Protein backbone atom coordinates (compact mmCIF):
# COMPACT_ATOMS: atom_id res chain seq x y z
CA MET A 1 32.81 0.27 25.35
CA ALA A 2 31.31 0.24 21.71
CA SER A 3 28.88 -2.06 21.85
CA TRP A 4 27.35 -0.79 25.11
CA ILE A 5 27.24 2.59 23.12
CA PHE A 6 25.60 1.40 20.10
CA HIS A 7 23.64 -0.60 22.79
CA MET A 8 22.73 3.12 24.11
CA PHE A 9 21.71 4.46 21.74
CA MET A 10 18.98 1.52 19.87
CA MET A 11 17.53 2.02 23.10
CA MET A 12 16.81 5.21 22.96
CA LEU A 13 16.48 5.09 19.35
CA SER A 14 13.24 2.25 20.04
CA THR A 15 11.73 4.54 22.45
CA PHE A 16 12.18 7.77 20.80
CA ILE A 17 9.76 6.10 17.73
CA SER A 18 7.33 4.21 20.06
CA CYS A 19 6.57 7.70 21.95
CA SER A 20 5.91 9.30 18.72
CA GLN A 21 3.77 6.67 17.27
CA SER A 22 1.61 6.72 20.39
CA LYS A 23 1.26 10.43 20.46
CA ARG A 24 -0.63 10.33 16.75
CA ASP A 25 -4.37 11.24 17.11
CA LYS A 26 -6.02 8.09 16.81
CA VAL A 27 -9.20 9.82 14.75
CA LEU A 28 -6.80 12.42 12.50
CA TYR A 29 -4.49 9.15 11.29
CA CYS A 30 -8.00 6.87 10.94
CA SER A 31 -9.56 9.32 9.24
CA ALA A 32 -6.57 10.29 7.20
CA CYS A 33 -6.58 6.67 6.07
CA LYS A 34 -9.57 6.01 5.23
CA ALA A 35 -9.86 9.51 3.16
CA ILE A 36 -7.21 8.14 1.44
CA VAL A 37 -8.57 5.56 -0.08
CA ASP A 38 -11.79 7.30 -0.68
CA GLU A 39 -10.26 9.44 -2.90
CA LEU A 40 -7.91 6.88 -4.44
CA ASN A 41 -11.26 5.03 -5.04
CA TYR A 42 -12.85 8.28 -6.65
CA SER A 43 -10.27 8.84 -9.15
CA ILE A 44 -9.57 5.52 -10.59
CA SER A 45 -13.51 5.33 -11.48
CA GLN A 46 -13.10 8.40 -13.63
CA VAL A 47 -10.83 6.97 -15.78
CA ASP A 48 -11.89 4.94 -18.69
CA PRO A 49 -11.66 1.48 -18.05
CA LYS A 50 -10.34 0.56 -21.33
CA LYS A 51 -7.44 2.49 -21.59
CA THR A 52 -4.10 0.59 -21.00
CA ILE A 53 -0.70 0.99 -20.26
CA ASN A 54 2.36 -1.03 -21.61
CA VAL A 55 4.19 -2.34 -18.46
CA GLY A 56 7.63 -4.89 -18.72
CA SER A 57 10.93 -4.94 -19.78
CA PHE A 58 11.95 -3.41 -22.48
CA ARG A 59 14.97 -5.43 -23.29
CA LEU A 60 15.07 -7.84 -26.51
CA ASN A 61 15.02 -11.11 -25.72
CA PRO A 62 17.29 -13.60 -27.95
CA ASP A 63 15.29 -14.29 -31.04
CA GLY A 64 14.85 -10.36 -31.35
CA THR A 65 11.37 -9.90 -30.06
CA MET A 66 10.58 -7.20 -27.11
CA THR A 67 8.32 -8.54 -24.38
CA ASP A 68 5.79 -6.35 -23.05
CA LYS A 69 2.52 -6.22 -21.60
CA LYS A 70 -0.98 -4.03 -21.64
CA VAL A 71 -1.93 -3.36 -18.11
CA PRO A 72 -5.69 -1.57 -17.32
CA PHE A 73 -3.72 2.34 -16.44
CA ALA A 74 -6.42 2.94 -13.26
CA ARG A 75 -5.18 0.62 -11.86
CA SER A 76 -0.99 0.93 -12.99
CA GLU A 77 1.57 1.30 -10.49
CA THR A 78 2.12 4.51 -12.91
CA HIS A 79 -1.19 5.97 -12.47
CA LEU A 80 -1.64 5.11 -8.62
CA SER A 81 1.73 6.79 -8.03
CA GLU A 82 0.48 9.66 -10.17
CA LEU A 83 -2.75 9.42 -7.82
CA LEU A 84 -0.44 9.19 -4.46
CA ASP A 85 1.96 12.87 -5.16
CA GLY A 86 -1.71 14.79 -4.92
CA VAL A 87 -4.28 12.84 -2.75
CA CYS A 88 -3.34 14.84 0.38
CA ASN A 89 -4.28 18.46 -1.26
CA SER A 90 -8.14 17.39 -0.85
CA MET A 91 -7.58 16.55 2.69
CA SER A 92 -9.42 20.35 2.85
CA ASP A 93 -12.63 19.13 1.28
CA TYR A 94 -13.05 17.13 5.04
CA ALA A 95 -13.86 18.37 8.79
CA LEU A 96 -14.85 17.06 11.51
CA TYR A 97 -18.05 14.87 11.74
CA ILE A 98 -19.38 14.00 14.74
CA ASP A 99 -22.55 11.32 15.03
CA PRO A 100 -25.36 12.73 16.54
CA ASP A 101 -26.52 9.36 17.69
CA THR A 102 -23.21 7.69 18.78
CA HIS A 103 -20.93 10.62 19.31
CA HIS A 104 -18.14 8.94 17.16
CA LYS A 105 -16.02 11.36 15.89
CA GLN A 106 -13.75 11.42 12.63
CA TYR A 107 -13.04 13.38 9.79
CA ARG A 108 -15.21 12.99 6.60
CA ARG A 109 -15.72 15.06 3.24
CA PHE A 110 -18.53 17.74 3.32
CA ALA A 111 -17.43 18.99 0.07
CA PRO A 112 -19.27 17.27 -2.97
CA ARG A 113 -17.30 15.90 -5.88
CA VAL A 114 -19.39 16.80 -9.29
CA SER A 115 -19.93 20.52 -9.21
CA GLY A 116 -23.63 21.67 -8.83
CA SER A 117 -25.13 18.54 -7.83
CA SER A 118 -27.42 19.35 -4.47
CA GLU A 119 -27.83 15.92 -3.26
CA ASP A 120 -23.67 15.68 -2.59
CA PHE A 121 -23.97 18.48 0.13
CA PRO A 122 -24.16 16.53 3.60
CA ASP A 123 -25.89 17.89 6.71
CA PHE A 124 -23.46 20.76 7.77
CA GLU A 125 -25.48 20.37 11.10
CA ASN A 126 -22.83 18.14 12.61
CA PHE A 127 -19.48 19.11 10.83
CA LYS A 128 -17.78 21.05 13.20
CA PHE A 129 -15.28 23.14 11.18
CA ASP A 130 -11.99 23.99 12.92
CA GLY A 131 -10.42 26.20 10.74
CA PRO A 132 -7.48 25.89 7.98
CA GLU A 133 -5.63 24.47 11.27
CA ALA A 134 -7.89 21.34 11.21
CA SER A 135 -7.35 20.93 7.36
CA ASN A 136 -3.90 21.40 7.71
CA ASN A 137 -3.36 18.45 10.75
CA LEU A 138 -5.61 16.36 8.21
CA LYS A 139 -2.89 16.70 5.58
CA PHE A 140 0.12 16.34 7.49
CA ALA A 141 -1.25 12.84 8.54
CA CYS A 142 -2.21 11.80 5.31
CA GLU A 143 1.00 13.11 4.00
CA THR A 144 2.33 11.35 6.75
CA LEU A 145 0.71 7.85 6.46
CA VAL A 146 1.15 8.27 2.32
CA GLU A 147 5.40 8.50 2.96
CA GLU A 148 4.64 5.18 5.21
CA LEU A 149 2.04 3.17 3.25
CA GLU A 150 3.12 3.73 -0.27
CA ASP A 151 4.06 0.62 -1.48
CA ASP A 152 1.35 -1.16 0.82
CA ILE A 153 -1.31 1.49 -1.10
CA ILE A 154 0.13 0.76 -4.48
CA SER A 155 0.09 -3.42 -3.64
CA LEU A 156 -3.74 -3.23 -2.56
CA LEU A 157 -5.13 -0.72 -5.10
CA GLY A 158 -3.02 -2.31 -7.95
CA ARG A 159 -4.56 -5.65 -6.99
CA ASP A 160 -8.05 -4.64 -7.29
CA GLU A 161 -9.22 -6.83 -4.16
CA GLY A 162 -12.45 -6.00 -1.69
CA ASP A 163 -12.05 -3.84 0.94
CA VAL A 164 -8.86 -2.41 0.71
CA GLN A 165 -9.88 0.49 3.29
CA GLU A 166 -10.48 -2.40 5.62
CA LYS A 167 -7.01 -4.01 4.79
CA LEU A 168 -4.96 -1.26 4.58
CA CYS A 169 -6.25 0.85 7.61
CA SER A 170 -6.60 -1.67 10.10
CA ARG A 171 -4.16 -4.24 8.59
CA VAL A 172 -1.41 -2.44 7.47
CA SER A 173 -1.53 1.03 9.96
CA GLY A 174 -3.92 -0.25 12.14
CA TYR A 175 -5.72 2.92 12.28
CA LEU A 176 -9.47 2.02 11.16
CA LEU A 177 -11.84 2.43 14.22
CA SER A 178 -13.92 -0.16 15.64
CA GLU A 179 -17.46 0.01 15.52
CA GLU A 180 -17.44 0.86 19.05
CA GLY A 181 -16.19 4.22 17.88
CA MET A 182 -12.52 3.35 19.80
CA ALA A 183 -9.49 3.70 17.60
CA VAL A 184 -7.67 0.79 17.63
CA ILE A 185 -3.91 0.50 18.50
CA PRO A 186 -1.26 0.33 15.74
CA GLY A 187 0.05 -2.85 15.97
CA HIS A 188 -3.27 -4.66 17.05
CA ARG A 189 -5.12 -5.97 14.81
CA ALA A 190 -8.55 -4.40 13.96
CA ARG A 191 -11.65 -7.31 15.43
CA GLN A 192 -13.01 -9.11 12.10
CA PRO A 193 -16.68 -8.33 11.41
CA ARG A 194 -18.90 -10.84 12.52
């Protein structure tokens, strides 16, 4: 009897989880994933590449020496964790952008990063500003993805490999939009570019 109750509980739990995952707005979560990578890459680029941090164990070796290693601070786990704590606060700088040719929707950064630079201002004609609610939705999606993918984000950015955005958003979370603007279903791999 107890095993039957446990089995029913597990079935209900898996149904609940799959239903909650399927109700996610694909454009919102894809955009949040892309924004996370974009914001983190920008923050990393602002750190002096010569700055290092000591990592490793602080235990003494049998011979009385201590082993530590210096790694670049910008891509250290410590720095990336700090950046992840505040990355979702920048989601208020994003708004829904509708491509005039393809009508493809995604959230894009509209606020320039460097104050006073008029070159960074986009054409606001194709942005749809829905007030603070849209920004809050994007921030919630960002926080959800950071919570779910924190280890993957730190691992991918820490290794400084190629296209982190594709690796994270398509392979790990499944929320990268395809070339045709269709959202890829979570759990399915995006088509590889030719």
